Amino acid sequence: MPPLFFERMTMWQVLKELILAIFYPHYCPACHEEVEGPGLLCEACRRSTYAPGYLELKKETVPHLDAVYRLYRYEGGVKRALHGLKYEKRRDYLDRMGEEVLHHEADLEPLFTGNPFVVALPTDPKRRKTRGYEIPPAIFGPYLKKHAMILTQALWRQKATKPQHGLSRAERRENLLGSFAFHPVKLDGTVIVIDDIATTGASLEEAARLLKEGGAEKVVGLVLASNAPMASVSNLD
């Protein structure tokens, strides 16, 4: 097992990782090579799909959303793993996703400057019950825990929605209308909303609208993956 994260692990955690590595090896969901050490992807597939940066936003379609930052393109192993988490109950990917994010701490650090509030985009209760887990907190939870940050429970789902996959921008917006509700908490400054994928930004925009009504000054989306066009400069500049 490589020394990455070793110093931060207890002896029990080290033993657990060794046992899992020996008896339950993890294979990259993109190329099926064995992954030695923490993370979802092998090093080659990580390099080929890791493309951090801000997405291009059009204020006429997402007027309340100030920026969206992605880590990966939505393709290859990341796409396959997210599909597995959503539709195949691939629980084995949960910890690996969190470890994957920890590979990129340096890129995330500027985003969290100033101790922003962090809010997870809430999952439809039926889908959460079927899966037995929520994906966004699983992806970014290890990073938040390591940096002593907690999730603020500012949003909840009050209405079931159809899956967004395959819907147009207008259909996504209509599908989400009234689906979220604001849980009264005191907000100010910047709020980061975490989610797994950004396509049109409709979900993040609806969340941003409610959060700004609740007192947030700036709302930034943070997603694991997206294929949306990239901005030439940061939306926050």
C-alpha atoms as a PDB file:
ATOM      1  CA  MET A   1       0.000   0.000   0.000  1.00  0.00           C
ATOM      2  CA  PRO A   2       1.457   3.405  -0.943  1.00  0.00           C
ATOM      3  CA  PRO A   3       2.268   5.850   1.868  1.00  0.00           C
ATOM      4  CA  LEU A   4      -0.376   8.389   0.775  1.00  0.00           C
ATOM      5  CA  PHE A   5      -2.578   9.272   3.785  1.00  0.00           C
ATOM      6  CA  PHE A   6      -0.656   6.711   5.875  1.00  0.00           C
ATOM      7  CA  GLU A   7       0.375   9.135   8.599  1.00  0.00           C
ATOM      8  CA  ARG A   8      -3.230  10.178   9.155  1.00  0.00           C
ATOM      9  CA  MET A   9      -4.553   6.647   9.562  1.00  0.00           C
ATOM     10  CA  THR A  10      -4.905   4.627  12.748  1.00  0.00           C
ATOM     11  CA  MET A  11      -3.377   1.164  12.922  1.00  0.00           C
ATOM     12  CA  TRP A  12      -6.862  -0.332  12.590  1.00  0.00           C
ATOM     13  CA  GLN A  13      -7.475   1.674   9.428  1.00  0.00           C
ATOM     14  CA  VAL A  14      -4.137   0.558   8.021  1.00  0.00           C
ATOM     15  CA  LEU A  15      -4.974  -3.084   8.765  1.00  0.00           C
ATOM     16  CA  LYS A  16      -8.421  -2.687   7.227  1.00  0.00           C
ATOM     17  CA  GLU A  17      -6.951  -1.159   4.059  1.00  0.00           C
ATOM     18  CA  LEU A  18      -4.409  -3.964   3.762  1.00  0.00           C
ATOM     19  CA  ILE A  19      -7.088  -6.645   4.132  1.00  0.00           C
ATOM     20  CA  LEU A  20      -9.324  -4.954   1.562  1.00  0.00           C
ATOM     21  CA  ALA A  21      -6.420  -4.541  -0.851  1.00  0.00           C
ATOM     22  CA  ILE A  22      -5.492  -8.229  -0.581  1.00  0.00           C
ATOM     23  CA  PHE A  23      -8.936  -9.841  -0.640  1.00  0.00           C
ATOM     24  CA  TYR A  24     -11.057  -7.178  -2.377  1.00  0.00           C
ATOM     25  CA  PRO A  25      -8.862  -5.363  -4.886  1.00  0.00           C
ATOM     26  CA  HIS A  26     -10.373  -2.329  -6.593  1.00  0.00           C
ATOM     27  CA  TYR A  27     -10.246  -1.965 -10.360  1.00  0.00           C
ATOM     28  CA  CYS A  28     -10.433   1.284 -12.287  1.00  0.00           C
ATOM     29  CA  PRO A  29     -13.985   1.568 -13.711  1.00  0.00           C
ATOM     30  CA  ALA A  30     -12.546   3.001 -16.940  1.00  0.00           C
ATOM     31  CA  CYS A  31      -9.731   0.633 -17.947  1.00  0.00           C
ATOM     32  CA  HIS A  32     -10.161  -2.153 -15.345  1.00  0.00           C
ATOM     33  CA  GLU A  33      -6.564  -1.916 -14.166  1.00  0.00           C
ATOM     34  CA  GLU A  34      -6.093  -2.650 -10.468  1.00  0.00           C
ATOM     35  CA  VAL A  35      -5.891   0.560  -8.437  1.00  0.00           C
ATOM     36  CA  GLU A  36      -3.232   0.354  -5.759  1.00  0.00           C
ATOM     37  CA  GLY A  37      -3.948   2.771  -2.940  1.00  0.00           C
ATOM     38  CA  PRO A  38      -6.743   5.297  -2.372  1.00  0.00           C
ATOM     39  CA  GLY A  39      -8.912   6.646  -5.153  1.00  0.00           C
ATOM     40  CA  LEU A  40     -11.417   5.625  -7.788  1.00  0.00           C
ATOM     41  CA  LEU A  41      -9.266   5.824 -10.916  1.00  0.00           C
ATOM     42  CA  CYS A  42      -5.867   4.583 -11.965  1.00  0.00           C
ATOM     43  CA  GLU A  43      -3.278   7.305 -12.471  1.00  0.00           C
ATOM     44  CA  ALA A  44      -3.514   7.231 -16.273  1.00  0.00           C
ATOM     45  CA  CYS A  45      -7.307   7.563 -16.344  1.00  0.00           C
ATOM     46  CA  ARG A  46      -7.164  10.266 -13.677  1.00  0.00           C
ATOM     47  CA  ARG A  47      -4.795  12.337 -15.797  1.00  0.00           C
ATOM     48  CA  SER A  48      -6.904  11.891 -18.926  1.00  0.00           C
ATOM     49  CA  THR A  49     -10.210  13.064 -17.398  1.00  0.00           C
ATOM     50  CA  TYR A  50      -9.208  15.475 -14.627  1.00  0.00           C
ATOM     51  CA  ALA A  51     -10.033  18.956 -15.913  1.00  0.00           C
ATOM     52  CA  PRO A  52     -10.740  21.334 -13.018  1.00  0.00           C
ATOM     53  CA  GLY A  53     -12.161  24.775 -13.584  1.00  0.00           C
ATOM     54  CA  TYR A  54     -15.199  27.021 -13.687  1.00  0.00           C
ATOM     55  CA  LEU A  55     -18.091  26.403 -16.050  1.00  0.00           C
ATOM     56  CA  GLU A  56     -19.420  29.028 -18.409  1.00  0.00           C
ATOM     57  CA  LEU A  57     -22.664  30.469 -17.024  1.00  0.00           C
ATOM     58  CA  LYS A  58     -25.329  32.461 -18.848  1.00  0.00           C
ATOM     59  CA  LYS A  59     -27.035  34.840 -16.454  1.00  0.00           C
ATOM     60  CA  GLU A  60     -30.279  34.727 -18.405  1.00  0.00           C
ATOM     61  CA  THR A  61     -30.648  31.017 -17.566  1.00  0.00           C
ATOM     62  CA  VAL A  62     -29.011  30.877 -14.103  1.00  0.00           C
ATOM     63  CA  PRO A  63     -29.471  34.389 -12.660  1.00  0.00           C
ATOM     64  CA  HIS A  64     -28.939  33.419  -9.015  1.00  0.00           C
ATOM     65  CA  LEU A  65     -25.930  31.138  -9.472  1.00  0.00           C
ATOM     66  CA  ASP A  66     -22.581  32.938  -9.259  1.00  0.00           C
ATOM     67  CA  ALA A  67     -20.243  30.134 -10.343  1.00  0.00           C
ATOM     68  CA  VAL A  68     -19.891  26.375 -10.789  1.00  0.00           C
ATOM     69  CA  TYR A  69     -16.582  24.571 -10.336  1.00  0.00           C
ATOM     70  CA  ARG A  70     -15.994  21.046 -11.638  1.00  0.00           C
ATOM     71  CA  LEU A  71     -13.209  18.557 -11.045  1.00  0.00           C
ATOM     72  CA  TYR A  72     -13.651  16.055 -13.911  1.00  0.00           C
ATOM     73  CA  ARG A  73     -15.157  15.770 -17.326  1.00  0.00           C
ATOM     74  CA  TYR A  74     -18.228  13.557 -17.189  1.00  0.00           C
ATOM     75  CA  GLU A  75     -16.773  10.610 -19.070  1.00  0.00           C
ATOM     76  CA  GLY A  76     -14.796   7.410 -18.626  1.00  0.00           C
ATOM     77  CA  GLY A  77     -14.462   5.985 -15.150  1.00  0.00           C
ATOM     78  CA  VAL A  78     -16.161   8.894 -13.388  1.00  0.00           C
ATOM     79  CA  LYS A  79     -19.240   8.548 -15.583  1.00  0.00           C
ATOM     80  CA  ARG A  80     -19.353   4.769 -15.120  1.00  0.00           C
ATOM     81  CA  ALA A  81     -18.916   5.030 -11.358  1.00  0.00           C
ATOM     82  CA  LEU A  82     -21.651   7.657 -10.958  1.00  0.00           C
ATOM     83  CA  HIS A  83     -23.988   5.517 -13.065  1.00  0.00           C
ATOM     84  CA  GLY A  84     -23.136   2.561 -10.831  1.00  0.00           C
ATOM     85  CA  LEU A  85     -23.884   4.567  -7.688  1.00  0.00           C
ATOM     86  CA  LYS A  86     -27.193   5.839  -9.030  1.00  0.00           C
ATOM     87  CA  TYR A  87     -28.607   2.782 -10.740  1.00  0.00           C
ATOM     88  CA  GLU A  88     -26.637  -0.309  -9.675  1.00  0.00           C
ATOM     89  CA  LYS A  89     -26.167   0.215  -5.908  1.00  0.00           C
ATOM     90  CA  ARG A  90     -22.393   0.118  -6.267  1.00  0.00           C
ATOM     91  CA  ARG A  91     -21.669   0.970  -2.639  1.00  0.00           C
ATOM     92  CA  ASP A  92     -18.056  -0.021  -3.175  1.00  0.00           C
ATOM     93  CA  TYR A  93     -17.582   3.194  -5.145  1.00  0.00           C
ATOM     94  CA  LEU A  94     -18.672   5.483  -2.278  1.00  0.00           C
ATOM     95  CA  ASP A  95     -15.412   5.521  -0.315  1.00  0.00           C
ATOM     96  CA  ARG A  96     -13.389   5.505  -3.517  1.00  0.00           C
ATOM     97  CA  MET A  97     -15.161   8.663  -4.718  1.00  0.00           C
ATOM     98  CA  GLY A  98     -14.302  10.449  -1.495  1.00  0.00           C
ATOM     99  CA  GLU A  99     -10.683   9.342  -1.770  1.00  0.00           C
ATOM    100  CA  GLU A 100     -10.597  10.579  -5.354  1.00  0.00           C
ATOM    101  CA  VAL A 101     -11.530  14.091  -4.259  1.00  0.00           C
ATOM    102  CA  LEU A 102      -8.730  14.035  -1.670  1.00  0.00           C
ATOM    103  CA  HIS A 103      -6.234  13.716  -4.513  1.00  0.00           C
ATOM    104  CA  HIS A 104      -7.110  17.292  -5.478  1.00  0.00           C
ATOM    105  CA  GLU A 105      -7.057  19.173  -2.186  1.00  0.00           C
ATOM    106  CA  ALA A 106      -4.766  21.890  -3.524  1.00  0.00           C
ATOM    107  CA  ASP A 107      -7.187  22.763  -6.337  1.00  0.00           C
ATOM    108  CA  LEU A 108     -10.138  22.937  -3.944  1.00  0.00           C
ATOM    109  CA  GLU A 109      -8.430  25.042  -1.287  1.00  0.00           C
ATOM    110  CA  PRO A 110      -9.089  28.471  -2.921  1.00  0.00           C
ATOM    111  CA  LEU A 111     -12.775  27.619  -3.245  1.00  0.00           C
ATOM    112  CA  PHE A 112     -13.122  27.235   0.510  1.00  0.00           C
ATOM    113  CA  THR A 113     -11.233  30.381   1.479  1.00  0.00           C
ATOM    114  CA  GLY A 114     -13.187  32.424   4.010  1.00  0.00           C
ATOM    115  CA  ASN A 115     -15.008  29.492   5.632  1.00  0.00           C
ATOM    116  CA  PRO A 116     -18.101  29.402   3.407  1.00  0.00           C
ATOM    117  CA  PHE A 117     -21.256  27.536   4.309  1.00  0.00           C
ATOM    118  CA  VAL A 118     -21.469  24.142   2.579  1.00  0.00           C
ATOM    119  CA  VAL A 119     -24.849  22.735   1.547  1.00  0.00           C
ATOM    120  CA  ALA A 120     -25.554  19.439  -0.217  1.00  0.00           C
ATOM    121  CA  LEU A 121     -28.137  19.406  -2.971  1.00  0.00           C
ATOM    122  CA  PRO A 122     -30.832  17.186  -1.419  1.00  0.00           C
ATOM    123  CA  THR A 123     -31.659  13.860  -3.033  1.00  0.00           C
ATOM    124  CA  ASP A 124     -35.199  12.767  -3.824  1.00  0.00           C
ATOM    125  CA  PRO A 125     -36.313  10.806  -0.703  1.00  0.00           C
ATOM    126  CA  LYS A 126     -37.504   7.823  -2.743  1.00  0.00           C
ATOM    127  CA  ARG A 127     -34.195   7.519  -4.559  1.00  0.00           C
ATOM    128  CA  ARG A 128     -32.279   7.961  -1.314  1.00  0.00           C
ATOM    129  CA  LYS A 129     -34.316   5.166   0.281  1.00  0.00           C
ATOM    130  CA  THR A 130     -33.814   2.878  -2.714  1.00  0.00           C
ATOM    131  CA  ARG A 131     -30.048   3.452  -2.805  1.00  0.00           C
ATOM    132  CA  GLY A 132     -29.482   3.622   0.932  1.00  0.00           C
ATOM    133  CA  TYR A 133     -27.125   6.591   0.613  1.00  0.00           C
ATOM    134  CA  GLU A 134     -26.797  10.155  -0.681  1.00  0.00           C
ATOM    135  CA  ILE A 135     -24.162  10.663  -3.325  1.00  0.00           C
ATOM    136  CA  PRO A 136     -22.984  14.313  -2.953  1.00  0.00           C
ATOM    137  CA  PRO A 137     -22.138  14.041   0.783  1.00  0.00           C
ATOM    138  CA  ALA A 138     -20.336  10.748   0.119  1.00  0.00           C
ATOM    139  CA  ILE A 139     -18.201  12.343  -2.600  1.00  0.00           C
ATOM    140  CA  PHE A 140     -17.167  15.477  -0.731  1.00  0.00           C
ATOM    141  CA  GLY A 141     -17.648  14.323   2.872  1.00  0.00           C
ATOM    142  CA  PRO A 142     -14.077  13.054   3.403  1.00  0.00           C
ATOM    143  CA  TYR A 143     -12.647  16.382   2.209  1.00  0.00           C
ATOM    144  CA  LEU A 144     -14.994  18.348   4.465  1.00  0.00           C
ATOM    145  CA  LYS A 145     -14.234  16.120   7.439  1.00  0.00           C
ATOM    146  CA  LYS A 146     -10.493  16.393   6.943  1.00  0.00           C
ATOM    147  CA  HIS A 147     -10.738  20.182   6.905  1.00  0.00           C
ATOM    148  CA  ALA A 148     -13.121  20.357   9.887  1.00  0.00           C
ATOM    149  CA  MET A 149     -16.065  21.635   7.837  1.00  0.00           C
ATOM    150  CA  ILE A 150     -19.657  20.543   8.279  1.00  0.00           C
ATOM    151  CA  LEU A 151     -22.693  20.479   6.034  1.00  0.00           C
ATOM    152  CA  THR A 152     -25.349  23.073   6.778  1.00  0.00           C
ATOM    153  CA  GLN A 153     -28.850  21.607   6.515  1.00  0.00           C
ATOM    154  CA  ALA A 154     -30.339  24.531   4.620  1.00  0.00           C
ATOM    155  CA  LEU A 155     -32.287  22.692   1.903  1.00  0.00           C
ATOM    156  CA  TRP A 156     -34.649  19.750   1.830  1.00  0.00           C
ATOM    157  CA  ARG A 157     -36.743  18.000  -0.805  1.00  0.00           C
ATOM    158  CA  GLN A 158     -40.434  18.628  -0.449  1.00  0.00           C
ATOM    159  CA  LYS A 159     -41.539  17.111  -3.754  1.00  0.00           C
ATOM    160  CA  ALA A 160     -40.528  14.039  -5.725  1.00  0.00           C
ATOM    161  CA  THR A 161     -39.205  14.687  -9.217  1.00  0.00           C
ATOM    162  CA  LYS A 162     -38.577  12.719 -12.364  1.00  0.00           C
ATOM    163  CA  PRO A 163     -34.931  11.889 -13.112  1.00  0.00           C
ATOM    164  CA  GLN A 164     -33.343  14.851 -14.904  1.00  0.00           C
ATOM    165  CA  HIS A 165     -31.492  12.644 -17.392  1.00  0.00           C
ATOM    166  CA  GLY A 166     -32.809  13.168 -20.911  1.00  0.00           C
ATOM    167  CA  LEU A 167     -34.859  16.289 -20.128  1.00  0.00           C
ATOM    168  CA  SER A 168     -34.381  19.584 -21.945  1.00  0.00           C
ATOM    169  CA  ARG A 169     -33.343  22.729 -20.070  1.00  0.00           C
ATOM    170  CA  ALA A 170     -36.957  23.934 -19.929  1.00  0.00           C
ATOM    171  CA  GLU A 171     -38.195  20.505 -18.812  1.00  0.00           C
ATOM    172  CA  ARG A 172     -35.536  20.352 -16.098  1.00  0.00           C
ATOM    173  CA  ARG A 173     -36.551  23.763 -14.798  1.00  0.00           C
ATOM    174  CA  GLU A 174     -40.232  22.777 -14.771  1.00  0.00           C
ATOM    175  CA  ASN A 175     -39.440  19.436 -13.142  1.00  0.00           C
ATOM    176  CA  LEU A 176     -37.567  21.140 -10.291  1.00  0.00           C
ATOM    177  CA  LEU A 177     -40.067  23.913  -9.647  1.00  0.00           C
ATOM    178  CA  GLY A 178     -41.122  23.697  -6.007  1.00  0.00           C
ATOM    179  CA  SER A 179     -39.055  20.562  -5.356  1.00  0.00           C
ATOM    180  CA  PHE A 180     -36.683  22.183  -2.838  1.00  0.00           C
ATOM    181  CA  ALA A 181     -37.528  24.129   0.298  1.00  0.00           C
ATOM    182  CA  PHE A 182     -35.366  26.328   2.491  1.00  0.00           C
ATOM    183  CA  HIS A 183     -34.815  25.162   6.050  1.00  0.00           C
ATOM    184  CA  PRO A 184     -34.575  28.343   8.144  1.00  0.00           C
ATOM    185  CA  VAL A 185     -30.935  28.828   9.103  1.00  0.00           C
ATOM    186  CA  LYS A 186     -28.900  31.987   9.334  1.00  0.00           C
ATOM    187  CA  LEU A 187     -26.871  32.417   6.162  1.00  0.00           C
ATOM    188  CA  ASP A 188     -24.526  35.175   5.043  1.00  0.00           C
ATOM    189  CA  GLY A 189     -21.489  35.432   2.815  1.00  0.00           C
ATOM    190  CA  THR A 190     -20.749  32.579   0.420  1.00  0.00           C
ATOM    191  CA  VAL A 191     -22.530  29.239   0.215  1.00  0.00           C
ATOM    192  CA  ILE A 192     -21.046  26.285  -1.683  1.00  0.00           C
ATOM    193  CA  VAL A 193     -23.602  23.778  -2.975  1.00  0.00           C
ATOM    194  CA  ILE A 194     -22.175  20.317  -3.629  1.00  0.00           C
ATOM    195  CA  ASP A 195     -23.570  17.886  -6.196  1.00  0.00           C
ATOM    196  CA  ASP A 196     -22.333  15.029  -8.346  1.00  0.00           C
ATOM    197  CA  ILE A 197     -23.025  16.286 -11.896  1.00  0.00           C
ATOM    198  CA  ALA A 198     -23.881  19.602 -13.547  1.00  0.00           C
ATOM    199  CA  THR A 199     -25.586  19.499 -16.942  1.00  0.00           C
ATOM    200  CA  THR A 200     -27.681  22.630 -17.487  1.00  0.00           C
ATOM    201  CA  GLY A 201     -27.280  23.946 -13.945  1.00  0.00           C
ATOM    202  CA  ALA A 202     -31.044  23.883 -13.321  1.00  0.00           C
ATOM    203  CA  SER A 203     -30.802  22.109  -9.956  1.00  0.00           C
ATOM    204  CA  LEU A 204     -28.023  24.364  -8.712  1.00  0.00           C
ATOM    205  CA  GLU A 205     -29.906  27.452  -9.908  1.00  0.00           C
ATOM    206  CA  GLU A 206     -33.049  26.490  -7.988  1.00  0.00           C
ATOM    207  CA  ALA A 207     -30.930  25.885  -4.893  1.00  0.00           C
ATOM    208  CA  ALA A 208     -29.158  29.225  -5.364  1.00  0.00           C
ATOM    209  CA  ARG A 209     -32.477  31.063  -5.655  1.00  0.00           C
ATOM    210  CA  LEU A 210     -33.692  29.702  -2.319  1.00  0.00           C
ATOM    211  CA  LEU A 211     -30.356  30.217  -0.572  1.00  0.00           C
ATOM    212  CA  LYS A 212     -30.162  33.849  -1.657  1.00  0.00           C
ATOM    213  CA  GLU A 213     -33.704  34.402  -0.463  1.00  0.00           C
ATOM    214  CA  GLY A 214     -32.438  32.973   2.842  1.00  0.00           C
ATOM    215  CA  GLY A 215     -29.583  35.465   3.122  1.00  0.00           C
ATOM    216  CA  ALA A 216     -26.672  34.101   1.084  1.00  0.00           C
ATOM    217  CA  GLU A 217     -24.696  36.764  -0.756  1.00  0.00           C
ATOM    218  CA  LYS A 218     -22.974  34.435  -3.207  1.00  0.00           C
ATOM    219  CA  VAL A 219     -23.733  30.844  -4.239  1.00  0.00           C
ATOM    220  CA  VAL A 220     -21.130  28.616  -5.891  1.00  0.00           C
ATOM    221  CA  GLY A 221     -21.760  25.107  -7.163  1.00  0.00           C
ATOM    222  CA  LEU A 222     -19.107  22.414  -6.705  1.00  0.00           C
ATOM    223  CA  VAL A 223     -19.562  19.229  -8.725  1.00  0.00           C
ATOM    224  CA  LEU A 224     -17.479  16.149  -9.319  1.00  0.00           C
ATOM    225  CA  ALA A 225     -18.102  16.148 -13.060  1.00  0.00           C
ATOM    226  CA  SER A 226     -19.577  18.089 -15.950  1.00  0.00           C
ATOM    227  CA  ASN A 227     -19.336  18.317 -19.729  1.00  0.00           C
ATOM    228  CA  ALA A 228     -20.705  21.857 -19.860  1.00  0.00           C
ATOM    229  CA  PRO A 229     -18.532  24.478 -21.605  1.00  0.00           C
ATOM    230  CA  MET A 230     -15.727  25.952 -19.535  1.00  0.00           C
ATOM    231  CA  ALA A 231     -15.405  29.642 -18.741  1.00  0.00           C
ATOM    232  CA  SER A 232     -12.371  31.480 -20.099  1.00  0.00           C
ATOM    233  CA  VAL A 233     -11.970  33.158 -16.689  1.00  0.00           C
ATOM    234  CA  SER A 234     -13.415  32.497 -13.249  1.00  0.00           C
ATOM    235  CA  ASN A 235     -17.041  33.566 -12.900  1.00  0.00           C
ATOM    236  CA  LEU A 236     -16.032  35.040  -9.552  1.00  0.00           C
ATOM    237  CA  ASP A 237     -13.528  37.496 -11.053  1.00  0.00           C
END
